């Protein structure tokens, strides 16, 4: 009980550091995902060139932004 005053701030500091690291990784993951999407679009373009299918941009949304699950 007498060390609680020291333990609580240390535990809170460790928790805040872990949270900050987690948020940093989430931001990094979002950037990597966007890079992956762009690379995949380029690869798809290269495979389809010179097809007329390239006149339409592929849908980048997840599940076509449908609210109902796909069957």
PDB file of N, CA and C in Angstrom:
ATOM      1  N   UNK A   1       0.808  -1.179   0.000  1.00  0.00           N
ATOM      2  CA  UNK A   1       0.000   0.000   0.000  1.00  0.00           C
ATOM      3  C   UNK A   1       0.858   1.252   0.000  1.00  0.00           C
ATOM      4  N   UNK A   2       2.018   1.228   0.651  1.00  0.00           N
ATOM      5  CA  UNK A   2       2.784   2.463   0.767  1.00  0.00           C
ATOM      6  C   UNK A   2       3.463   2.841  -0.550  1.00  0.00           C
ATOM      7  N   UNK A   3       3.578   1.920  -1.506  1.00  0.00           N
ATOM      8  CA  UNK A   3       4.220   2.220  -2.791  1.00  0.00           C
ATOM      9  C   UNK A   3       3.208   2.553  -3.895  1.00  0.00           C
ATOM     10  N   UNK A   4       1.927   2.537  -3.541  1.00  0.00           N
ATOM     11  CA  UNK A   4       0.889   2.786  -4.531  1.00  0.00           C
ATOM     12  C   UNK A   4       1.083   4.148  -5.204  1.00  0.00           C
ATOM     13  N   UNK A   5       1.484   5.134  -4.462  1.00  0.00           N
ATOM     14  CA  UNK A   5       1.693   6.479  -5.009  1.00  0.00           C
ATOM     15  C   UNK A   5       2.747   6.498  -6.103  1.00  0.00           C
ATOM     16  N   UNK A   6       3.696   5.587  -6.061  1.00  0.00           N
ATOM     17  CA  UNK A   6       4.725   5.493  -7.098  1.00  0.00           C
ATOM     18  C   UNK A   6       4.292   4.567  -8.236  1.00  0.00           C
ATOM     19  N   UNK A   7       3.589   3.513  -7.877  1.00  0.00           N
ATOM     20  CA  UNK A   7       3.201   2.519  -8.875  1.00  0.00           C
ATOM     21  C   UNK A   7       2.166   3.041  -9.865  1.00  0.00           C
ATOM     22  N   UNK A   8       1.206   3.799  -9.377  1.00  0.00           N
ATOM     23  CA  UNK A   8       0.136   4.282 -10.253  1.00  0.00           C
ATOM     24  C   UNK A   8       0.675   5.173 -11.367  1.00  0.00           C
ATOM     25  N   UNK A   9       1.475   6.180 -11.077  1.00  0.00           N
ATOM     26  CA  UNK A   9       2.003   7.011 -12.172  1.00  0.00           C
ATOM     27  C   UNK A   9       2.884   6.216 -13.149  1.00  0.00           C
ATOM     28  N   UNK A  10       3.642   5.271 -12.630  1.00  0.00           N
ATOM     29  CA  UNK A  10       4.476   4.447 -13.511  1.00  0.00           C
ATOM     30  C   UNK A  10       3.606   3.582 -14.427  1.00  0.00           C
ATOM     31  N   UNK A  11       2.555   2.993 -13.872  1.00  0.00           N
ATOM     32  CA  UNK A  11       1.645   2.164 -14.664  1.00  0.00           C
ATOM     33  C   UNK A  11       0.914   3.027 -15.697  1.00  0.00           C
ATOM     34  N   UNK A  12       0.483   4.219 -15.301  1.00  0.00           N
ATOM     35  CA  UNK A  12      -0.187   5.126 -16.240  1.00  0.00           C
ATOM     36  C   UNK A  12       0.761   5.567 -17.354  1.00  0.00           C
ATOM     37  N   UNK A  13       1.998   5.816 -17.023  1.00  0.00           N
ATOM     38  CA  UNK A  13       2.994   6.219 -18.025  1.00  0.00           C
ATOM     39  C   UNK A  13       3.241   5.080 -19.019  1.00  0.00           C
ATOM     40  N   UNK A  14       3.358   3.862 -18.515  1.00  0.00           N
ATOM     41  CA  UNK A  14       3.563   2.698 -19.386  1.00  0.00           C
ATOM     42  C   UNK A  14       2.351   2.474 -20.284  1.00  0.00           C
ATOM     43  N   UNK A  15       1.160   2.657 -19.718  1.00  0.00           N
ATOM     44  CA  UNK A  15      -0.066   2.506 -20.506  1.00  0.00           C
ATOM     45  C   UNK A  15      -0.136   3.548 -21.607  1.00  0.00           C
ATOM     46  N   UNK A  16       0.173   4.789 -21.280  1.00  0.00           N
ATOM     47  CA  UNK A  16       0.151   5.869 -22.277  1.00  0.00           C
ATOM     48  C   UNK A  16       1.183   5.620 -23.372  1.00  0.00           C
ATOM     49  N   UNK A  17       2.352   5.124 -23.007  1.00  0.00           N
ATOM     50  CA  UNK A  17       3.393   4.833 -24.005  1.00  0.00           C
ATOM     51  C   UNK A  17       2.956   3.704 -24.932  1.00  0.00           C
ATOM     52  N   UNK A  18       2.339   2.671 -24.364  1.00  0.00           N
ATOM     53  CA  UNK A  18       1.860   1.559 -25.184  1.00  0.00           C
ATOM     54  C   UNK A  18       0.742   2.019 -26.113  1.00  0.00           C
ATOM     55  N   UNK A  19      -0.139   2.866 -25.630  1.00  0.00           N
ATOM     56  CA  UNK A  19      -1.225   3.398 -26.452  1.00  0.00           C
ATOM     57  C   UNK A  19      -0.659   4.247 -27.595  1.00  0.00           C
ATOM     58  N   UNK A  20       0.310   5.093 -27.285  1.00  0.00           N
ATOM     59  CA  UNK A  20       0.925   5.932 -28.316  1.00  0.00           C
ATOM     60  C   UNK A  20       1.594   5.069 -29.377  1.00  0.00           C
ATOM     61  N   UNK A  21       2.272   4.030 -28.963  1.00  0.00           N
ATOM     62  CA  UNK A  21       2.930   3.112 -29.908  1.00  0.00           C
ATOM     63  C   UNK A  21       1.891   2.401 -30.768  1.00  0.00           C
ATOM     64  N   UNK A  22       0.809   1.962 -30.153  1.00  0.00           N
ATOM     65  CA  UNK A  22      -0.257   1.302 -30.907  1.00  0.00           C
ATOM     66  C   UNK A  22      -0.867   2.229 -31.951  1.00  0.00           C
ATOM     67  N   UNK A  23      -1.138   3.473 -31.578  1.00  0.00           N
ATOM     68  CA  UNK A  23      -1.705   4.436 -32.522  1.00  0.00           C
ATOM     69  C   UNK A  23      -0.730   4.747 -33.654  1.00  0.00           C
ATOM     70  N   UNK A  24       0.550   4.804 -33.313  1.00  0.00           N
ATOM     71  CA  UNK A  24       1.578   5.025 -34.340  1.00  0.00           C
ATOM     72  C   UNK A  24       1.587   3.867 -35.342  1.00  0.00           C
ATOM     73  N   UNK A  25       1.478   2.647 -34.842  1.00  0.00           N
ATOM     74  CA  UNK A  25       1.459   1.481 -35.721  1.00  0.00           C
ATOM     75  C   UNK A  25       0.204   1.449 -36.587  1.00  0.00           C
ATOM     76  N   UNK A  26      -0.929   1.864 -36.033  1.00  0.00           N
ATOM     77  CA  UNK A  26      -2.166   1.920 -36.819  1.00  0.00           C
ATOM     78  C   UNK A  26      -2.002   2.922 -37.963  1.00  0.00           C
ATOM     79  N   UNK A  27      -1.405   4.084 -37.662  1.00  0.00           N
ATOM     80  CA  UNK A  27      -1.165   5.080 -38.707  1.00  0.00           C
ATOM     81  C   UNK A  27      -0.219   4.540 -39.773  1.00  0.00           C
ATOM     82  N   UNK A  28       0.822   3.837 -39.345  1.00  0.00           N
ATOM     83  CA  UNK A  28       1.755   3.241 -40.302  1.00  0.00           C
ATOM     84  C   UNK A  28       1.053   2.193 -41.160  1.00  0.00           C
ATOM     85  N   UNK A  29       0.219   1.395 -40.537  1.00  0.00           N
ATOM     86  CA  UNK A  29      -0.508   0.364 -41.272  1.00  0.00           C
ATOM     87  C   UNK A  29      -1.437   0.981 -42.310  1.00  0.00           C
ATOM     88  N   UNK A  30      -2.095   2.070 -41.969  1.00  0.00           N
ATOM     89  CA  UNK A  30      -2.974   2.748 -42.926  1.00  0.00           C
ATOM     90  C   UNK A  30      -2.174   3.241 -44.123  1.00  0.00           C
ATOM     91  N   UNK A  31      -0.988   3.783 -43.880  1.00  0.00           N
ATOM     92  CA  UNK A  31      -0.144   4.262 -44.970  1.00  0.00           C
ATOM     93  C   UNK A  31       0.346   3.104 -45.839  1.00  0.00           C
ATOM     94  N   UNK A  32       0.726   2.004 -45.225  1.00  0.00           N
ATOM     95  CA  UNK A  32       1.177   0.827 -45.972  1.00  0.00           C
ATOM     96  C   UNK A  32       0.024   0.244 -46.786  1.00  0.00           C
ATOM     97  N   UNK A  33      -1.174   0.229 -46.210  1.00  0.00           N
ATOM     98  CA  UNK A  33      -2.333  -0.284 -46.935  1.00  0.00           C
ATOM     99  C   UNK A  33      -2.599   0.566 -48.174  1.00  0.00           C
ATOM    100  N   UNK A  34      -2.534   1.885 -48.037  1.00  0.00           N
ATOM    101  CA  UNK A  34      -2.758   2.761 -49.187  1.00  0.00           C
ATOM    102  C   UNK A  34      -1.692   2.526 -50.256  1.00  0.00           C
ATOM    103  N   UNK A  35      -0.453   2.340 -49.835  1.00  0.00           N
ATOM    104  CA  UNK A  35       0.632   2.045 -50.773  1.00  0.00           C
ATOM    105  C   UNK A  35       0.371   0.723 -51.491  1.00  0.00           C
ATOM    106  N   UNK A  36      -0.096  -0.266 -50.754  1.00  0.00           N
ATOM    107  CA  UNK A  36      -0.415  -1.562 -51.338  1.00  0.00           C
ATOM    108  C   UNK A  36      -1.539  -1.441 -52.364  1.00  0.00           C
ATOM    109  N   UNK A  37      -2.556  -0.661 -52.059  1.00  0.00           N
ATOM    110  CA  UNK A  37      -3.654  -0.453 -53.000  1.00  0.00           C
ATOM    111  C   UNK A  37      -3.143   0.180 -54.282  1.00  0.00           C
ATOM    112  N   UNK A  38      -2.293   1.198 -54.152  1.00  0.00           N
ATOM    113  CA  UNK A  38      -1.745   1.860 -55.338  1.00  0.00           C
ATOM    114  C   UNK A  38      -0.889   0.894 -56.168  1.00  0.00           C
ATOM    115  N   UNK A  39      -0.083   0.088 -55.499  1.00  0.00           N
ATOM    116  CA  UNK A  39       0.740  -0.898 -56.216  1.00  0.00           C
ATOM    117  C   UNK A  39      -0.142  -1.912 -56.936  1.00  0.00           C
ATOM    118  N   UNK A  40      -1.199  -2.345 -56.274  1.00  0.00           N
ATOM    119  CA  UNK A  40      -2.108  -3.317 -56.901  1.00  0.00           C
ATOM    120  C   UNK A  40      -2.816  -2.710 -58.103  1.00  0.00           C
ATOM    121  N   UNK A  41      -3.196  -1.438 -58.007  1.00  0.00           N
ATOM    122  CA  UNK A  41      -3.820  -0.763 -59.144  1.00  0.00           C
ATOM    123  C   UNK A  41      -2.861  -0.700 -60.334  1.00  0.00           C
ATOM    124  N   UNK A  42      -1.587  -0.396 -60.060  1.00  0.00           N
ATOM    125  CA  UNK A  42      -0.594  -0.350 -61.133  1.00  0.00           C
ATOM    126  C   UNK A  42      -0.396  -1.725 -61.757  1.00  0.00           C
ATOM    127  N   UNK A  43      -0.355  -2.766 -60.923  1.00  0.00           N
ATOM    128  CA  UNK A  43      -0.181  -4.122 -61.437  1.00  0.00           C
ATOM    129  C   UNK A  43      -1.383  -4.533 -62.295  1.00  0.00           C
ATOM    130  N   UNK A  44      -2.569  -4.158 -61.855  1.00  0.00           N
ATOM    131  CA  UNK A  44      -3.776  -4.468 -62.621  1.00  0.00           C
ATOM    132  C   UNK A  44      -3.770  -3.723 -63.955  1.00  0.00           C
ATOM    133  N   UNK A  45      -3.384  -2.459 -63.908  1.00  0.00           N
ATOM    134  CA  UNK A  45      -3.298  -1.670 -65.138  1.00  0.00           C
ATOM    135  C   UNK A  45      -2.333  -2.332 -66.122  1.00  0.00           C
ATOM    136  N   UNK A  46      -1.156  -2.746 -65.632  1.00  0.00           N
ATOM    137  CA  UNK A  46      -0.156  -3.372 -66.496  1.00  0.00           C
ATOM    138  C   UNK A  46      -0.693  -4.660 -67.118  1.00  0.00           C
ATOM    139  N   UNK A  47      -1.468  -5.422 -66.350  1.00  0.00           N
ATOM    140  CA  UNK A  47      -2.015  -6.671 -66.877  1.00  0.00           C
ATOM    141  C   UNK A  47      -3.105  -6.436 -67.916  1.00  0.00           C
ATOM    142  N   UNK A  48      -3.857  -5.354 -67.767  1.00  0.00           N
ATOM    143  CA  UNK A  48      -4.975  -5.100 -68.663  1.00  0.00           C
ATOM    144  C   UNK A  48      -4.610  -4.258 -69.886  1.00  0.00           C
ATOM    145  N   UNK A  49      -3.504  -3.541 -69.830  1.00  0.00           N
ATOM    146  CA  UNK A  49      -3.122  -2.655 -70.933  1.00  0.00           C
ATOM    147  C   UNK A  49      -2.978  -3.441 -72.218  1.00  0.00           C
ATOM    148  N   UNK A  50      -3.466  -3.032 -73.325  1.00  0.00           N
ATOM    149  CA  UNK A  50      -4.203  -1.813 -73.683  1.00  0.00           C
ATOM    150  C   UNK A  50      -5.714  -2.024 -73.742  1.00  0.00           C
ATOM    151  N   UNK A  51      -6.256  -2.868 -72.930  1.00  0.00           N
ATOM    152  CA  UNK A  51      -7.688  -3.199 -72.958  1.00  0.00           C
ATOM    153  C   UNK A  51      -8.571  -1.976 -72.698  1.00  0.00           C
ATOM    154  N   UNK A  52      -9.775  -2.005 -73.266  1.00  0.00           N
ATOM    155  CA  UNK A  52     -10.745  -0.948 -73.022  1.00  0.00           C
ATOM    156  C   UNK A  52     -11.259  -0.974 -71.582  1.00  0.00           C
ATOM    157  N   UNK A  53     -11.019  -2.065 -70.886  1.00  0.00           N
ATOM    158  CA  UNK A  53     -11.435  -2.151 -69.484  1.00  0.00           C
ATOM    159  C   UNK A  53     -10.746  -1.082 -68.636  1.00  0.00           C
ATOM    160  N   UNK A  54      -9.642  -0.558 -69.120  1.00  0.00           N
ATOM    161  CA  UNK A  54      -8.911   0.464 -68.369  1.00  0.00           C
ATOM    162  C   UNK A  54      -9.619   1.812 -68.380  1.00  0.00           C
ATOM    163  N   UNK A  55     -10.660   1.960 -69.172  1.00  0.00           N
ATOM    164  CA  UNK A  55     -11.388   3.223 -69.214  1.00  0.00           C
ATOM    165  C   UNK A  55     -12.221   3.442 -67.955  1.00  0.00           C
ATOM    166  N   UNK A  56     -12.461   2.378 -67.191  1.00  0.00           N
ATOM    167  CA  UNK A  56     -13.243   2.470 -65.964  1.00  0.00           C
ATOM    168  C   UNK A  56     -12.331   2.162 -64.786  1.00  0.00           C
ATOM    169  N   UNK A  57     -12.339   3.047 -63.793  1.00  0.00           N
ATOM    170  CA  UNK A  57     -11.529   2.820 -62.598  1.00  0.00           C
ATOM    171  C   UNK A  57     -12.181   1.752 -61.725  1.00  0.00           C
ATOM    172  N   UNK A  58     -11.396   0.828 -61.186  1.00  0.00           N
ATOM    173  CA  UNK A  58     -11.977  -0.184 -60.299  1.00  0.00           C
ATOM    174  C   UNK A  58     -12.489   0.451 -59.004  1.00  0.00           C
ATOM    175  N   UNK A  59     -13.482  -0.166 -58.420  1.00  0.00           N
ATOM    176  CA  UNK A  59     -14.053   0.283 -57.155  1.00  0.00           C
ATOM    177  C   UNK A  59     -13.066  -0.012 -56.034  1.00  0.00           C
ATOM    178  N   UNK A  60     -12.646   1.017 -55.298  1.00  0.00           N
ATOM    179  CA  UNK A  60     -11.668   0.844 -54.223  1.00  0.00           C
ATOM    180  C   UNK A  60     -12.331   0.593 -52.871  1.00  0.00           C
ATOM    181  N   UNK A  61     -13.643   0.637 -52.826  1.00  0.00           N
ATOM    182  CA  UNK A  61     -14.323   0.468 -51.550  1.00  0.00           C
ATOM    183  C   UNK A  61     -14.342  -1.010 -51.152  1.00  0.00           C
ATOM    184  N   UNK A  62     -14.605  -1.235 -49.896  1.00  0.00           N
ATOM    185  CA  UNK A  62     -14.719  -2.592 -49.386  1.00  0.00           C
ATOM    186  C   UNK A  62     -16.164  -3.035 -49.565  1.00  0.00           C
ATOM    187  N   UNK A  63     -16.376  -4.137 -50.255  1.00  0.00           N
ATOM    188  CA  UNK A  63     -17.707  -4.691 -50.520  1.00  0.00           C
ATOM    189  C   UNK A  63     -18.600  -3.696 -51.239  1.00  0.00           C
ATOM    190  N   UNK A  64     -18.004  -2.812 -52.043  1.00  0.00           N
ATOM    191  CA  UNK A  64     -18.799  -1.855 -52.785  1.00  0.00           C
ATOM    192  C   UNK A  64     -19.564  -0.892 -51.892  1.00  0.00           C
ATOM    193  N   UNK A  65     -19.095  -0.717 -50.674  1.00  0.00           N
ATOM    194  CA  UNK A  65     -19.722   0.140 -49.668  1.00  0.00           C
ATOM    195  C   UNK A  65     -21.171  -0.270 -49.388  1.00  0.00           C
ATOM    196  N   UNK A  66     -21.451  -1.551 -49.529  1.00  0.00           N
ATOM    197  CA  UNK A  66     -22.781  -2.050 -49.230  1.00  0.00           C
ATOM    198  C   UNK A  66     -22.983  -2.169 -47.730  1.00  0.00           C
ATOM    199  N   UNK A  67     -24.163  -1.821 -47.277  1.00  0.00           N
ATOM    200  CA  UNK A  67     -24.453  -1.929 -45.847  1.00  0.00           C
ATOM    201  C   UNK A  67     -24.846  -3.338 -45.474  1.00  0.00           C
ATOM    202  N   UNK A  68     -25.442  -4.067 -46.418  1.00  0.00           N
ATOM    203  CA  UNK A  68     -25.835  -5.450 -46.180  1.00  0.00           C
ATOM    204  C   UNK A  68     -24.683  -6.378 -46.571  1.00  0.00           C
ATOM    205  N   UNK A  69     -24.481  -7.456 -45.860  1.00  0.00           N
ATOM    206  CA  UNK A  69     -23.415  -8.398 -46.215  1.00  0.00           C
ATOM    207  C   UNK A  69     -23.663  -9.005 -47.602  1.00  0.00           C
ATOM    208  N   UNK A  70     -22.578  -9.299 -48.276  1.00  0.00           N
ATOM    209  CA  UNK A  70     -22.687  -9.964 -49.577  1.00  0.00           C
ATOM    210  C   UNK A  70     -22.942 -11.441 -49.361  1.00  0.00           C
ATOM    211  N   UNK A  71     -23.721 -12.026 -50.237  1.00  0.00           N
ATOM    212  CA  UNK A  71     -24.004 -13.459 -50.124  1.00  0.00           C
ATOM    213  C   UNK A  71     -23.301 -14.208 -51.228  1.00  0.00           C
TER     214      UNK A  71
END
